[in-house]
Full PDB file with SEQRES, HELIX, SHEET, SSBOND, CRYST1, ORIGX, SCALE, CONECT and MASTER records, all heavy atoms in Angstrom:
SEQRES   1 A   35  GLY GLY GLY LEU VAL GLN PRO GLY GLY SER LEU ARG LEU          
SEQRES   2 A   35  SER CYS ALA ALA SER GLY SER ILE PHE SER SER TYR ALA          
SEQRES   3 A   35  MET GLY TRP TYR ARG GLN ALA PRO GLY                          
CRYST1    1.000    1.000    1.000  90.00  90.00  90.00 P 1           1          
ORIGX1      1.000000  0.000000  0.000000        0.00000                         
ORIGX2      0.000000  1.000000  0.000000        0.00000                         
ORIGX3      0.000000  0.000000  1.000000        0.00000                         
SCALE1      1.000000  0.000000  0.000000        0.00000                         
SCALE2      0.000000  1.000000  0.000000        0.00000                         
SCALE3      0.000000  0.000000  1.000000        0.00000                         
ATOM      1  N   GLY A   1       0.758  -1.255   0.005  1.00  0.00           N  
ATOM      2  CA  GLY A   1       0.012   0.003   0.016  1.00  0.00           C  
ATOM      3  C   GLY A   1       0.810   1.283   0.044  1.00  0.00           C  
ATOM      4  O   GLY A   1       0.221   2.331  -0.124  1.00  0.00           O  
ATOM      5  N   GLY A   2       2.129   1.180   0.169  1.00  0.00           N  
ATOM      6  CA  GLY A   2       2.912   2.407   0.143  1.00  0.00           C  
ATOM      7  C   GLY A   2       2.971   2.974  -1.204  1.00  0.00           C  
ATOM      8  O   GLY A   2       2.607   2.349  -2.202  1.00  0.00           O  
ATOM      9  N   GLY A   3       3.490   4.245  -1.289  1.00  0.00           N  
ATOM     10  CA  GLY A   3       3.616   4.929  -2.608  1.00  0.00           C  
ATOM     11  C   GLY A   3       3.790   6.371  -2.458  1.00  0.00           C  
ATOM     12  O   GLY A   3       4.083   6.922  -1.363  1.00  0.00           O  
ATOM     13  N   LEU A   4       3.605   7.026  -3.558  1.00  0.00           N  
ATOM     14  CA  LEU A   4       3.780   8.499  -3.664  1.00  0.00           C  
ATOM     15  C   LEU A   4       2.437   9.165  -3.764  1.00  0.00           C  
ATOM     16  O   LEU A   4       1.636   8.807  -4.609  1.00  0.00           O  
ATOM     17  CB  LEU A   4       4.686   8.842  -4.881  1.00  0.00           C  
ATOM     18  CG  LEU A   4       4.782  10.337  -5.180  1.00  0.00           C  
ATOM     19  CD1 LEU A   4       5.507  11.112  -4.088  1.00  0.00           C  
ATOM     20  CD2 LEU A   4       5.517  10.530  -6.512  1.00  0.00           C  
ATOM     21  N   VAL A   5       2.175  10.160  -2.894  1.00  0.00           N  
ATOM     22  CA  VAL A   5       0.967  10.893  -2.922  1.00  0.00           C  
ATOM     23  C   VAL A   5       1.211  12.350  -2.649  1.00  0.00           C  
ATOM     24  O   VAL A   5       2.241  12.752  -2.134  1.00  0.00           O  
ATOM     25  CB  VAL A   5      -0.117  10.365  -1.832  1.00  0.00           C  
ATOM     26  CG1 VAL A   5      -0.553   8.955  -2.144  1.00  0.00           C  
ATOM     27  CG2 VAL A   5       0.498  10.540  -0.459  1.00  0.00           C  
ATOM     28  N   GLN A   6       0.236  13.198  -3.133  1.00  0.00           N  
ATOM     29  CA  GLN A   6       0.321  14.604  -2.923  1.00  0.00           C  
ATOM     30  C   GLN A   6      -0.133  14.975  -1.519  1.00  0.00           C  
ATOM     31  O   GLN A   6      -0.894  14.234  -0.921  1.00  0.00           O  
ATOM     32  CB  GLN A   6      -0.381  15.369  -3.959  1.00  0.00           C  
ATOM     33  CG  GLN A   6       0.177  15.260  -5.384  1.00  0.00           C  
ATOM     34  CD  GLN A   6      -0.555  16.101  -6.357  1.00  0.00           C  
ATOM     35  OE1 GLN A   6      -1.811  16.295  -6.255  1.00  0.00           O  
ATOM     36  NE2 GLN A   6       0.130  16.642  -7.336  1.00  0.00           N  
ATOM     37  N   PRO A   7       0.331  16.096  -1.048  1.00  0.00           N  
ATOM     38  CA  PRO A   7      -0.187  16.554   0.321  1.00  0.00           C  
ATOM     39  C   PRO A   7      -1.749  16.622   0.303  1.00  0.00           C  
ATOM     40  O   PRO A   7      -2.291  17.095  -0.677  1.00  0.00           O  
ATOM     41  CB  PRO A   7       0.419  17.916   0.488  1.00  0.00           C  
ATOM     42  CG  PRO A   7       1.702  17.864  -0.258  1.00  0.00           C  
ATOM     43  CD  PRO A   7       1.420  16.996  -1.488  1.00  0.00           C  
ATOM     44  N   GLY A   8      -2.314  16.179   1.336  1.00  0.00           N  
ATOM     45  CA  GLY A   8      -3.782  16.129   1.432  1.00  0.00           C  
ATOM     46  C   GLY A   8      -4.361  14.848   0.845  1.00  0.00           C  
ATOM     47  O   GLY A   8      -5.583  14.615   1.065  1.00  0.00           O  
ATOM     48  N   GLY A   9      -3.568  14.006   0.256  1.00  0.00           N  
ATOM     49  CA  GLY A   9      -4.078  12.736  -0.294  1.00  0.00           C  
ATOM     50  C   GLY A   9      -4.151  11.658   0.779  1.00  0.00           C  
ATOM     51  O   GLY A   9      -3.919  11.914   1.935  1.00  0.00           O  
ATOM     52  N   SER A  10      -4.506  10.479   0.312  1.00  0.00           N  
ATOM     53  CA  SER A  10      -4.695   9.336   1.196  1.00  0.00           C  
ATOM     54  C   SER A  10      -4.032   8.111   0.652  1.00  0.00           C  
ATOM     55  O   SER A  10      -3.807   7.946  -0.501  1.00  0.00           O  
ATOM     56  CB  SER A  10      -6.189   9.056   1.309  1.00  0.00           C  
ATOM     57  OG  SER A  10      -6.928  10.080   1.911  1.00  0.00           O  
ATOM     58  N   LEU A  11      -3.619   7.247   1.611  1.00  0.00           N  
ATOM     59  CA  LEU A  11      -3.126   5.925   1.308  1.00  0.00           C  
ATOM     60  C   LEU A  11      -3.621   4.983   2.338  1.00  0.00           C  
ATOM     61  O   LEU A  11      -3.977   5.374   3.449  1.00  0.00           O  
ATOM     62  CB  LEU A  11      -1.579   5.956   1.414  1.00  0.00           C  
ATOM     63  CG  LEU A  11      -0.794   6.442   0.218  1.00  0.00           C  
ATOM     64  CD1 LEU A  11       0.677   6.463   0.558  1.00  0.00           C  
ATOM     65  CD2 LEU A  11      -1.049   5.675  -1.065  1.00  0.00           C  
ATOM     66  N   ARG A  12      -3.747   3.736   1.952  1.00  0.00           N  
ATOM     67  CA  ARG A  12      -4.110   2.651   2.870  1.00  0.00           C  
ATOM     68  C   ARG A  12      -3.057   1.593   2.880  1.00  0.00           C  
ATOM     69  O   ARG A  12      -2.799   0.923   1.870  1.00  0.00           O  
ATOM     70  CB  ARG A  12      -5.493   2.049   2.452  1.00  0.00           C  
ATOM     71  CG  ARG A  12      -6.002   1.024   3.433  1.00  0.00           C  
ATOM     72  CD  ARG A  12      -7.407   0.516   2.999  1.00  0.00           C  
ATOM     73  NE  ARG A  12      -7.932  -0.530   3.824  1.00  0.00           N  
ATOM     74  CZ  ARG A  12      -8.635  -0.337   4.963  1.00  0.00           C  
ATOM     75  NH1 ARG A  12      -8.888   0.929   5.351  1.00  0.00           N  
ATOM     76  NH2 ARG A  12      -9.056  -1.316   5.695  1.00  0.00           N  
ATOM     77  N   LEU A  13      -2.395   1.419   3.996  1.00  0.00           N  
ATOM     78  CA  LEU A  13      -1.423   0.374   4.159  1.00  0.00           C  
ATOM     79  C   LEU A  13      -2.038  -0.890   4.761  1.00  0.00           C  
ATOM     80  O   LEU A  13      -2.963  -0.814   5.642  1.00  0.00           O  
ATOM     81  CB  LEU A  13      -0.328   0.841   5.118  1.00  0.00           C  
ATOM     82  CG  LEU A  13       0.436   2.175   4.763  1.00  0.00           C  
ATOM     83  CD1 LEU A  13       1.513   2.410   5.774  1.00  0.00           C  
ATOM     84  CD2 LEU A  13       0.931   2.119   3.354  1.00  0.00           C  
ATOM     85  N   SER A  14      -1.584  -2.032   4.290  1.00  0.00           N  
ATOM     86  CA  SER A  14      -2.019  -3.283   4.792  1.00  0.00           C  
ATOM     87  C   SER A  14      -0.871  -4.158   5.189  1.00  0.00           C  
ATOM     88  O   SER A  14       0.213  -4.069   4.565  1.00  0.00           O  
ATOM     89  CB  SER A  14      -2.903  -4.007   3.788  1.00  0.00           C  
ATOM     90  OG  SER A  14      -4.103  -3.277   3.526  1.00  0.00           O  
ATOM     91  N   CYS A  15      -1.027  -5.007   6.172  1.00  0.00           N  
ATOM     92  CA  CYS A  15      -0.008  -5.907   6.614  1.00  0.00           C  
ATOM     93  C   CYS A  15      -0.681  -7.218   6.973  1.00  0.00           C  
ATOM     94  O   CYS A  15      -1.568  -7.224   7.861  1.00  0.00           O  
ATOM     95  CB  CYS A  15       0.745  -5.351   7.791  1.00  0.00           C  
ATOM     96  SG  CYS A  15       1.970  -6.472   8.502  1.00  0.00           S  
ATOM     97  N   ALA A  16      -0.252  -8.284   6.348  1.00  0.00           N  
ATOM     98  CA  ALA A  16      -0.832  -9.635   6.613  1.00  0.00           C  
ATOM     99  C   ALA A  16       0.265 -10.468   7.347  1.00  0.00           C  
ATOM    100  O   ALA A  16       1.419 -10.573   6.840  1.00  0.00           O  
ATOM    101  CB  ALA A  16      -1.235 -10.291   5.329  1.00  0.00           C  
ATOM    102  N   ALA A  17      -0.137 -11.034   8.435  1.00  0.00           N  
ATOM    103  CA  ALA A  17       0.755 -11.873   9.207  1.00  0.00           C  
ATOM    104  C   ALA A  17       0.493 -13.352   8.986  1.00  0.00           C  
ATOM    105  O   ALA A  17      -0.724 -13.751   8.861  1.00  0.00           O  
ATOM    106  CB  ALA A  17       0.642 -11.569  10.700  1.00  0.00           C  
ATOM    107  N   SER A  18       1.530 -14.148   8.903  1.00  0.00           N  
ATOM    108  CA  SER A  18       1.319 -15.571   8.749  1.00  0.00           C  
ATOM    109  C   SER A  18       2.399 -16.266   9.563  1.00  0.00           C  
ATOM    110  O   SER A  18       3.433 -15.698   9.941  1.00  0.00           O  
ATOM    111  CB  SER A  18       1.451 -16.002   7.284  1.00  0.00           C  
ATOM    112  OG  SER A  18       2.671 -15.678   6.697  1.00  0.00           O  
ATOM    113  N   GLY A  19       2.209 -17.541   9.784  1.00  0.00           N  
ATOM    114  CA  GLY A  19       3.165 -18.358  10.553  1.00  0.00           C  
ATOM    115  C   GLY A  19       2.551 -18.798  11.899  1.00  0.00           C  
ATOM    116  O   GLY A  19       1.379 -19.164  11.935  1.00  0.00           O  
ATOM    117  N   SER A  20       3.444 -18.855  12.885  1.00  0.00           N  
ATOM    118  CA  SER A  20       3.055 -19.433  14.172  1.00  0.00           C  
ATOM    119  C   SER A  20       2.347 -18.383  15.028  1.00  0.00           C  
ATOM    120  O   SER A  20       2.866 -17.854  16.028  1.00  0.00           O  
ATOM    121  CB  SER A  20       4.328 -19.926  14.914  1.00  0.00           C  
ATOM    122  OG  SER A  20       5.009 -20.907  14.147  1.00  0.00           O  
ATOM    123  N   ILE A  21       1.112 -18.120  14.630  1.00  0.00           N  
ATOM    124  CA  ILE A  21       0.289 -17.168  15.397  1.00  0.00           C  
ATOM    125  C   ILE A  21      -0.752 -17.953  16.167  1.00  0.00           C  
ATOM    126  O   ILE A  21      -1.825 -18.255  15.656  1.00  0.00           O  
ATOM    127  CB  ILE A  21      -0.383 -16.193  14.440  1.00  0.00           C  
ATOM    128  CG1 ILE A  21       0.671 -15.430  13.619  1.00  0.00           C  
ATOM    129  CG2 ILE A  21      -1.138 -15.129  15.294  1.00  0.00           C  
ATOM    130  CD1 ILE A  21       0.074 -14.478  12.542  1.00  0.00           C  
ATOM    131  N   PHE A  22      -0.384 -18.283  17.349  1.00  0.00           N  
ATOM    132  CA  PHE A  22      -1.299 -19.115  18.203  1.00  0.00           C  
ATOM    133  C   PHE A  22      -1.539 -18.502  19.586  1.00  0.00           C  
ATOM    134  O   PHE A  22      -2.127 -19.115  20.474  1.00  0.00           O  
ATOM    135  CB  PHE A  22      -0.734 -20.508  18.384  1.00  0.00           C  
ATOM    136  CG  PHE A  22       0.674 -20.525  18.876  1.00  0.00           C  
ATOM    137  CD1 PHE A  22       0.941 -20.492  20.224  1.00  0.00           C  
ATOM    138  CD2 PHE A  22       1.764 -20.597  17.977  1.00  0.00           C  
ATOM    139  CE1 PHE A  22       2.251 -20.517  20.722  1.00  0.00           C  
ATOM    140  CE2 PHE A  22       3.060 -20.634  18.506  1.00  0.00           C  
ATOM    141  CZ  PHE A  22       3.301 -20.558  19.845  1.00  0.00           C  
ATOM    142  N   SER A  23      -1.084 -17.274  19.781  1.00  0.00           N  
ATOM    143  CA  SER A  23      -1.197 -16.610  21.040  1.00  0.00           C  
ATOM    144  C   SER A  23      -1.837 -15.255  20.833  1.00  0.00           C  
ATOM    145  O   SER A  23      -2.081 -14.836  19.713  1.00  0.00           O  
ATOM    146  CB  SER A  23       0.111 -16.452  21.742  1.00  0.00           C  
ATOM    147  OG  SER A  23       1.011 -15.691  20.968  1.00  0.00           O  
ATOM    148  N   SER A  24      -2.157 -14.561  21.870  1.00  0.00           N  
ATOM    149  CA  SER A  24      -2.699 -13.181  21.754  1.00  0.00           C  
ATOM    150  C   SER A  24      -1.614 -12.258  21.179  1.00  0.00           C  
ATOM    151  O   SER A  24      -0.403 -12.432  21.485  1.00  0.00           O  
ATOM    152  CB  SER A  24      -3.202 -12.705  23.134  1.00  0.00           C  
ATOM    153  OG  SER A  24      -2.134 -12.581  24.032  1.00  0.00           O  
ATOM    154  N   TYR A  25      -2.020 -11.311  20.452  1.00  0.00           N  
ATOM    155  CA  TYR A  25      -1.102 -10.436  19.816  1.00  0.00           C  
ATOM    156  C   TYR A  25      -1.649  -9.059  19.509  1.00  0.00           C  
ATOM    157  O   TYR A  25      -2.835  -8.893  19.377  1.00  0.00           O  
ATOM    158  CB  TYR A  25      -0.592 -11.065  18.457  1.00  0.00           C  
ATOM    159  CG  TYR A  25      -1.682 -11.278  17.440  1.00  0.00           C  
ATOM    160  CD1 TYR A  25      -1.928 -10.330  16.439  1.00  0.00           C  
ATOM    161  CD2 TYR A  25      -2.468 -12.431  17.457  1.00  0.00           C  
ATOM    162  CE1 TYR A  25      -2.942 -10.556  15.519  1.00  0.00           C  
ATOM    163  CE2 TYR A  25      -3.454 -12.627  16.559  1.00  0.00           C  
ATOM    164  CZ  TYR A  25      -3.673 -11.679  15.533  1.00  0.00           C  
ATOM    165  OH  TYR A  25      -4.728 -11.880  14.628  1.00  0.00           O  
ATOM    166  N   ALA A  26      -0.768  -8.120  19.467  1.00  0.00           N  
ATOM    167  CA  ALA A  26      -1.059  -6.771  19.102  1.00  0.00           C  
ATOM    168  C   ALA A  26      -0.388  -6.512  17.800  1.00  0.00           C  
ATOM    169  O   ALA A  26       0.620  -7.070  17.431  1.00  0.00           O  
ATOM    170  CB  ALA A  26      -0.587  -5.776  20.118  1.00  0.00           C  
ATOM    171  N   MET A  27      -1.003  -5.644  16.963  1.00  0.00           N  
ATOM    172  CA  MET A  27      -0.478  -5.321  15.691  1.00  0.00           C  
ATOM    173  C   MET A  27      -0.376  -3.797  15.623  1.00  0.00           C  
ATOM    174  O   MET A  27      -1.186  -3.067  16.218  1.00  0.00           O  
ATOM    175  CB  MET A  27      -1.280  -5.834  14.586  1.00  0.00           C  
ATOM    176  CG  MET A  27      -1.511  -7.337  14.587  1.00  0.00           C  
ATOM    177  SD  MET A  27      -2.396  -8.054  13.175  1.00  0.00           S  
ATOM    178  CE  MET A  27      -1.040  -7.931  11.914  1.00  0.00           C  
ATOM    179  N   GLY A  28       0.609  -3.297  14.852  1.00  0.00           N  
ATOM    180  CA  GLY A  28       0.742  -1.865  14.764  1.00  0.00           C  
ATOM    181  C   GLY A  28       1.640  -1.428  13.649  1.00  0.00           C  
ATOM    182  O   GLY A  28       2.130  -2.250  12.867  1.00  0.00           O  
ATOM    183  N   TRP A  29       1.777  -0.099  13.536  1.00  0.00           N  
ATOM    184  CA  TRP A  29       2.597   0.504  12.520  1.00  0.00           C  
ATOM    185  C   TRP A  29       3.560   1.481  13.147  1.00  0.00           C  
ATOM    186  O   TRP A  29       3.185   2.252  14.051  1.00  0.00           O  
ATOM    187  CB  TRP A  29       1.739   1.249  11.519  1.00  0.00           C  
ATOM    188  CG  TRP A  29       0.971   0.347  10.606  1.00  0.00           C  
ATOM    189  CD1 TRP A  29      -0.354  -0.057  10.785  1.00  0.00           C  
ATOM    190  CD2 TRP A  29       1.398  -0.241   9.395  1.00  0.00           C  
ATOM    191  NE1 TRP A  29      -0.737  -0.875   9.777  1.00  0.00           N  
ATOM    192  CE2 TRP A  29       0.302  -0.983   8.901  1.00  0.00           C  
ATOM    193  CE3 TRP A  29       2.528  -0.224   8.649  1.00  0.00           C  
ATOM    194  CZ2 TRP A  29       0.374  -1.708   7.688  1.00  0.00           C  
ATOM    195  CZ3 TRP A  29       2.653  -0.946   7.477  1.00  0.00           C  
ATOM    196  CH2 TRP A  29       1.564  -1.629   7.027  1.00  0.00           C  
ATOM    197  N   TYR A  30       4.790   1.372  12.719  1.00  0.00           N  
ATOM    198  CA  TYR A  30       5.817   2.342  13.096  1.00  0.00           C  
ATOM    199  C   TYR A  30       6.350   3.010  11.785  1.00  0.00           C  
ATOM    200  O   TYR A  30       6.133   2.470  10.694  1.00  0.00           O  
ATOM    201  CB  TYR A  30       6.964   1.653  13.848  1.00  0.00           C  
ATOM    202  CG  TYR A  30       6.649   1.154  15.243  1.00  0.00           C  
ATOM    203  CD1 TYR A  30       5.770   0.077  15.461  1.00  0.00           C  
ATOM    204  CD2 TYR A  30       7.198   1.798  16.352  1.00  0.00           C  
ATOM    205  CE1 TYR A  30       5.498  -0.381  16.681  1.00  0.00           C  
ATOM    206  CE2 TYR A  30       6.905   1.377  17.606  1.00  0.00           C  
ATOM    207  CZ  TYR A  30       6.038   0.251  17.799  1.00  0.00           C  
ATOM    208  OH  TYR A  30       5.754  -0.167  19.059  1.00  0.00           O  
ATOM    209  N   ARG A  31       7.032   4.067  11.997  1.00  0.00           N  
ATOM    210  CA  ARG A  31       7.628   4.737  10.837  1.00  0.00           C  
ATOM    211  C   ARG A  31       9.019   5.316  11.197  1.00  0.00           C  
ATOM    212  O   ARG A  31       9.220   5.659  12.345  1.00  0.00           O  
ATOM    213  CB  ARG A  31       6.769   5.784  10.241  1.00  0.00           C  
ATOM    214  CG  ARG A  31       6.568   6.995  11.085  1.00  0.00           C  
ATOM    215  CD  ARG A  31       5.557   7.937  10.489  1.00  0.00           C  
ATOM    216  NE  ARG A  31       5.324   9.179  11.238  1.00  0.00           N  
ATOM    217  CZ  ARG A  31       4.410  10.104  11.043  1.00  0.00           C  
ATOM    218  NH1 ARG A  31       3.593   9.952  10.029  1.00  0.00           N  
ATOM    219  NH2 ARG A  31       4.320  11.152  11.810  1.00  0.00           N  
ATOM    220  N   GLN A  32       9.839   5.401  10.168  1.00  0.00           N  
ATOM    221  CA  GLN A  32      11.164   5.968  10.403  1.00  0.00           C  
ATOM    222  C   GLN A  32      11.554   6.796   9.204  1.00  0.00           C  
ATOM    223  O   GLN A  32      11.606   6.354   8.090  1.00  0.00           O  
ATOM    224  CB  GLN A  32      12.179   4.854  10.636  1.00  0.00           C  
ATOM    225  CG  GLN A  32      13.535   5.371  11.023  1.00  0.00           C  
ATOM    226  CD  GLN A  32      14.476   4.263  11.494  1.00  0.00           C  
ATOM    227  OE1 GLN A  32      14.268   3.075  11.173  1.00  0.00           O  
ATOM    228  NE2 GLN A  32      15.510   4.638  12.308  1.00  0.00           N  
ATOM    229  N   ALA A  33      11.868   8.018   9.476  1.00  0.00           N  
ATOM    230  CA  ALA A  33      12.348   8.957   8.463  1.00  0.00           C  
ATOM    231  C   ALA A  33      13.866   9.054   8.550  1.00  0.00           C  
ATOM    232  O   ALA A  33      14.424   8.713   9.667  1.00  0.00           O  
ATOM    233  CB  ALA A  33      11.732  10.365   8.658  1.00  0.00           C  
ATOM    234  N   PRO A  34      14.552   9.367   7.499  1.00  0.00           N  
ATOM    235  CA  PRO A  34      16.001   9.434   7.554  1.00  0.00           C  
ATOM    236  C   PRO A  34      16.563  10.362   8.667  1.00  0.00           C  
ATOM    237  O   PRO A  34      16.031  11.480   8.837  1.00  0.00           O  
ATOM    238  CB  PRO A  34      16.401  10.052   6.185  1.00  0.00           C  
ATOM    239  CG  PRO A  34      15.239   9.638   5.296  1.00  0.00           C  
ATOM    240  CD  PRO A  34      14.022   9.719   6.181  1.00  0.00           C  
ATOM    241  N   GLY A  35      17.451   9.818   9.440  1.00  0.00           N  
ATOM    242  CA  GLY A  35      18.060  10.559  10.556  1.00  0.00           C  
ATOM    243  C   GLY A  35      17.214  10.675  11.791  1.00  0.00           C  
ATOM    244  O   GLY A  35      17.606  11.328  12.737  1.00  0.00           O  
TER     245      GLY A  35                                                      
MASTER        0    0    0    0    0    0    0    6  244    1    0    3          
END                                                                             
């Protein structure tokens, strides 16, 4: 879902988890800009 947008625009990010998911879990998003 990432990409280039103009100011005021919208994007929708998605993240799908797979594997050994058998316990309670939280999901979230972090971000990091250069520096």
